[in-house]
Amino acid sequence: QVQLVESGGGLVQAGGSLRLSCAASGDTFSNYAVGWFRQAPGKEREFVAAISWGGSTTYYADSVKGRFTISRDNAKNTVYLQMVSLKPEDTAVYYCTASRSWRRGVMEAIAYEYWGQGTQVTVSS
């Protein structure tokens, strides 16, 4: 199994940028596809982005496409989520997740076996 720890969240003004990191430990990191989800107060958890085992394939929610970029460095056991042009509606707790396979889908939370504790992102208007 793999353990995930997110970092990089914080308070930023609208239009600003943040880079989230997800550091993995335990099992071989390249055995896992990785996703980011977010959950705002009073709302359901939603898919943000995902990246395949080697990093060649990425997926994005329509709401973040063109503004967020997911990447990974398997040598450092880390996945990144670069966020630019942030909007107040991006405010949420962001979770890093890992999946051995995408048999249950890519954008569905049920497809991911391991979750980090989350990091808060707050975008002020």
C-alpha atoms as a PDB file:
ATOM      1  CA  GLN A   1       0.000   0.000   0.000  1.00  0.00           C
ATOM      2  CA  VAL A   2       0.990   3.631  -0.398  1.00  0.00           C
ATOM      3  CA  GLN A   3       0.751   6.604   1.948  1.00  0.00           C
ATOM      4  CA  LEU A   4       0.019  10.068   0.540  1.00  0.00           C
ATOM      5  CA  VAL A   5       0.717  13.479   2.052  1.00  0.00           C
ATOM      6  CA  GLU A   6      -0.437  16.689   0.389  1.00  0.00           C
ATOM      7  CA  SER A   7       1.144  20.098   0.827  1.00  0.00           C
ATOM      8  CA  GLY A   8       1.149  23.504  -0.796  1.00  0.00           C
ATOM      9  CA  GLY A   9      -2.344  24.693  -0.008  1.00  0.00           C
ATOM     10  CA  GLY A  10      -3.062  28.144   1.326  1.00  0.00           C
ATOM     11  CA  LEU A  11      -4.833  31.455   0.826  1.00  0.00           C
ATOM     12  CA  VAL A  12      -4.470  33.227  -2.513  1.00  0.00           C
ATOM     13  CA  GLN A  13      -6.265  36.041  -4.299  1.00  0.00           C
ATOM     14  CA  ALA A  14      -8.333  35.399  -7.378  1.00  0.00           C
ATOM     15  CA  GLY A  15      -6.100  35.211 -10.416  1.00  0.00           C
ATOM     16  CA  GLY A  16      -3.206  33.892  -8.369  1.00  0.00           C
ATOM     17  CA  SER A  17      -1.376  30.582  -8.488  1.00  0.00           C
ATOM     18  CA  LEU A  18      -0.553  27.685  -6.200  1.00  0.00           C
ATOM     19  CA  ARG A  19       1.280  24.422  -6.645  1.00  0.00           C
ATOM     20  CA  LEU A  20       0.114  21.448  -4.665  1.00  0.00           C
ATOM     21  CA  SER A  21       2.413  18.509  -4.011  1.00  0.00           C
ATOM     22  CA  CYS A  22       1.559  14.938  -3.121  1.00  0.00           C
ATOM     23  CA  ALA A  23       4.406  12.955  -1.600  1.00  0.00           C
ATOM     24  CA  ALA A  24       4.078   9.182  -1.586  1.00  0.00           C
ATOM     25  CA  SER A  25       5.743   6.569   0.570  1.00  0.00           C
ATOM     26  CA  GLY A  26       5.436   2.843   1.007  1.00  0.00           C
ATOM     27  CA  ASP A  27       4.904   0.852  -2.161  1.00  0.00           C
ATOM     28  CA  THR A  28       6.609   1.597  -5.503  1.00  0.00           C
ATOM     29  CA  PHE A  29       5.063   4.866  -6.633  1.00  0.00           C
ATOM     30  CA  SER A  30       5.084   4.042 -10.333  1.00  0.00           C
ATOM     31  CA  ASN A  31       2.658   1.183  -9.583  1.00  0.00           C
ATOM     32  CA  TYR A  32      -0.079   3.771  -9.075  1.00  0.00           C
ATOM     33  CA  ALA A  33      -2.051   6.172 -11.183  1.00  0.00           C
ATOM     34  CA  VAL A  34      -2.738   9.344  -9.230  1.00  0.00           C
ATOM     35  CA  GLY A  35      -5.679  11.684  -9.068  1.00  0.00           C
ATOM     36  CA  TRP A  36      -6.669  14.917  -7.401  1.00  0.00           C
ATOM     37  CA  PHE A  37     -10.153  15.483  -6.057  1.00  0.00           C
ATOM     38  CA  ARG A  38     -11.593  18.424  -4.168  1.00  0.00           C
ATOM     39  CA  GLN A  39     -14.481  19.042  -1.827  1.00  0.00           C
ATOM     40  CA  ALA A  40     -15.987  22.406  -1.027  1.00  0.00           C
ATOM     41  CA  PRO A  41     -18.165  22.984   2.058  1.00  0.00           C
ATOM     42  CA  GLY A  42     -21.632  21.589   1.532  1.00  0.00           C
ATOM     43  CA  LYS A  43     -20.727  20.030  -1.795  1.00  0.00           C
ATOM     44  CA  GLU A  44     -19.848  16.552  -2.958  1.00  0.00           C
ATOM     45  CA  ARG A  45     -16.272  15.531  -3.637  1.00  0.00           C
ATOM     46  CA  GLU A  46     -15.418  16.114  -7.284  1.00  0.00           C
ATOM     47  CA  PHE A  47     -12.736  15.003  -9.686  1.00  0.00           C
ATOM     48  CA  VAL A  48     -10.065  17.559 -10.620  1.00  0.00           C
ATOM     49  CA  ALA A  49      -7.263  15.814 -12.526  1.00  0.00           C
ATOM     50  CA  ALA A  50      -5.492  12.491 -12.940  1.00  0.00           C
ATOM     51  CA  ILE A  51      -2.254  11.172 -14.350  1.00  0.00           C
ATOM     52  CA  SER A  52      -1.229   7.716 -15.510  1.00  0.00           C
ATOM     53  CA  TRP A  53       1.543   5.575 -14.056  1.00  0.00           C
ATOM     54  CA  GLY A  54       4.315   6.913 -16.250  1.00  0.00           C
ATOM     55  CA  GLY A  55       2.801  10.350 -16.684  1.00  0.00           C
ATOM     56  CA  SER A  56       2.062  10.101 -20.398  1.00  0.00           C
ATOM     57  CA  THR A  57      -1.718  10.425 -20.030  1.00  0.00           C
ATOM     58  CA  THR A  58      -3.606  13.098 -18.119  1.00  0.00           C
ATOM     59  CA  TYR A  59      -7.256  13.903 -17.537  1.00  0.00           C
ATOM     60  CA  TYR A  60      -8.919  17.096 -16.331  1.00  0.00           C
ATOM     61  CA  ALA A  61     -12.321  18.210 -15.205  1.00  0.00           C
ATOM     62  CA  ASP A  62     -13.828  20.720 -17.615  1.00  0.00           C
ATOM     63  CA  SER A  63     -13.895  23.326 -14.853  1.00  0.00           C
ATOM     64  CA  VAL A  64     -10.085  23.348 -14.527  1.00  0.00           C
ATOM     65  CA  LYS A  65      -8.969  22.508 -18.055  1.00  0.00           C
ATOM     66  CA  GLY A  66      -6.479  25.075 -19.298  1.00  0.00           C
ATOM     67  CA  ARG A  67      -5.793  26.385 -15.787  1.00  0.00           C
ATOM     68  CA  PHE A  68      -4.516  23.335 -13.881  1.00  0.00           C
ATOM     69  CA  THR A  69      -1.663  21.023 -14.832  1.00  0.00           C
ATOM     70  CA  ILE A  70      -0.945  17.666 -13.242  1.00  0.00           C
ATOM     71  CA  SER A  71       2.520  16.144 -13.435  1.00  0.00           C
ATOM     72  CA  ARG A  72       4.586  13.538 -11.640  1.00  0.00           C
ATOM     73  CA  ASP A  73       8.192  12.765 -10.829  1.00  0.00           C
ATOM     74  CA  ASN A  74       8.447   9.069 -10.037  1.00  0.00           C
ATOM     75  CA  ALA A  75      12.084   9.441  -8.997  1.00  0.00           C
ATOM     76  CA  LYS A  76      10.891  11.787  -6.241  1.00  0.00           C
ATOM     77  CA  ASN A  77       7.678   9.852  -5.525  1.00  0.00           C
ATOM     78  CA  THR A  78       5.753  13.076  -5.985  1.00  0.00           C
ATOM     79  CA  VAL A  79       2.800  14.330  -7.991  1.00  0.00           C
ATOM     80  CA  TYR A  80       2.144  18.010  -8.547  1.00  0.00           C
ATOM     81  CA  LEU A  81      -0.922  20.060  -9.321  1.00  0.00           C
ATOM     82  CA  GLN A  82      -0.008  23.457 -10.732  1.00  0.00           C
ATOM     83  CA  MET A  83      -2.983  25.808 -10.473  1.00  0.00           C
ATOM     84  CA  VAL A  84      -3.085  29.192 -12.193  1.00  0.00           C
ATOM     85  CA  SER A  85      -5.805  31.783 -12.751  1.00  0.00           C
ATOM     86  CA  LEU A  86      -7.466  30.622  -9.578  1.00  0.00           C
ATOM     87  CA  LYS A  87     -11.106  31.509  -8.969  1.00  0.00           C
ATOM     88  CA  PRO A  88     -13.102  31.727  -5.737  1.00  0.00           C
ATOM     89  CA  GLU A  89     -15.016  28.632  -6.848  1.00  0.00           C
ATOM     90  CA  ASP A  90     -11.744  26.666  -6.682  1.00  0.00           C
ATOM     91  CA  THR A  91     -11.882  27.013  -2.897  1.00  0.00           C
ATOM     92  CA  ALA A  92     -11.962  23.513  -1.420  1.00  0.00           C
ATOM     93  CA  VAL A  93      -9.989  20.855   0.372  1.00  0.00           C
ATOM     94  CA  TYR A  94      -7.848  19.119  -2.233  1.00  0.00           C
ATOM     95  CA  TYR A  95      -7.130  15.405  -1.887  1.00  0.00           C
ATOM     96  CA  CYS A  96      -4.452  13.312  -3.539  1.00  0.00           C
ATOM     97  CA  THR A  97      -5.463   9.766  -4.410  1.00  0.00           C
ATOM     98  CA  ALA A  98      -3.789   6.679  -5.827  1.00  0.00           C
ATOM     99  CA  SER A  99      -5.086   3.748  -7.798  1.00  0.00           C
ATOM    100  CA  ARG A 100      -3.422   0.528  -8.921  1.00  0.00           C
ATOM    101  CA  SER A 101      -5.730   0.409 -11.893  1.00  0.00           C
ATOM    102  CA  TRP A 102      -8.464   2.483 -13.478  1.00  0.00           C
ATOM    103  CA  ARG A 103     -10.826  -0.443 -13.883  1.00  0.00           C
ATOM    104  CA  ARG A 104     -13.571   1.503 -12.138  1.00  0.00           C
ATOM    105  CA  GLY A 105     -12.934   4.622 -14.146  1.00  0.00           C
ATOM    106  CA  VAL A 106     -10.646   7.609 -13.995  1.00  0.00           C
ATOM    107  CA  MET A 107     -12.888  10.379 -12.717  1.00  0.00           C
ATOM    108  CA  GLU A 108     -14.737   8.362 -10.084  1.00  0.00           C
ATOM    109  CA  ALA A 109     -13.641   8.443  -6.449  1.00  0.00           C
ATOM    110  CA  ILE A 110     -14.439   4.741  -6.120  1.00  0.00           C
ATOM    111  CA  ALA A 111     -11.578   4.001  -8.553  1.00  0.00           C
ATOM    112  CA  TYR A 112      -8.978   5.135  -6.000  1.00  0.00           C
ATOM    113  CA  GLU A 113      -7.890   2.974  -3.073  1.00  0.00           C
ATOM    114  CA  TYR A 114      -5.645   5.380  -1.195  1.00  0.00           C
ATOM    115  CA  TRP A 115      -6.274   8.953  -0.090  1.00  0.00           C
ATOM    116  CA  GLY A 116      -4.269  11.675   1.577  1.00  0.00           C
ATOM    117  CA  GLN A 117      -5.551  13.831   4.409  1.00  0.00           C
ATOM    118  CA  GLY A 118      -6.194  16.842   2.190  1.00  0.00           C
ATOM    119  CA  THR A 119      -4.885  20.387   1.955  1.00  0.00           C
ATOM    120  CA  GLN A 120      -7.018  23.520   2.083  1.00  0.00           C
ATOM    121  CA  VAL A 121      -7.031  25.933  -0.851  1.00  0.00           C
ATOM    122  CA  THR A 122      -8.837  29.235  -0.329  1.00  0.00           C
ATOM    123  CA  VAL A 123      -9.217  31.750  -3.141  1.00  0.00           C
ATOM    124  CA  SER A 124     -10.414  35.199  -2.114  1.00  0.00           C
ATOM    125  CA  SER A 125     -12.281  37.490  -4.473  1.00  0.00           C
END
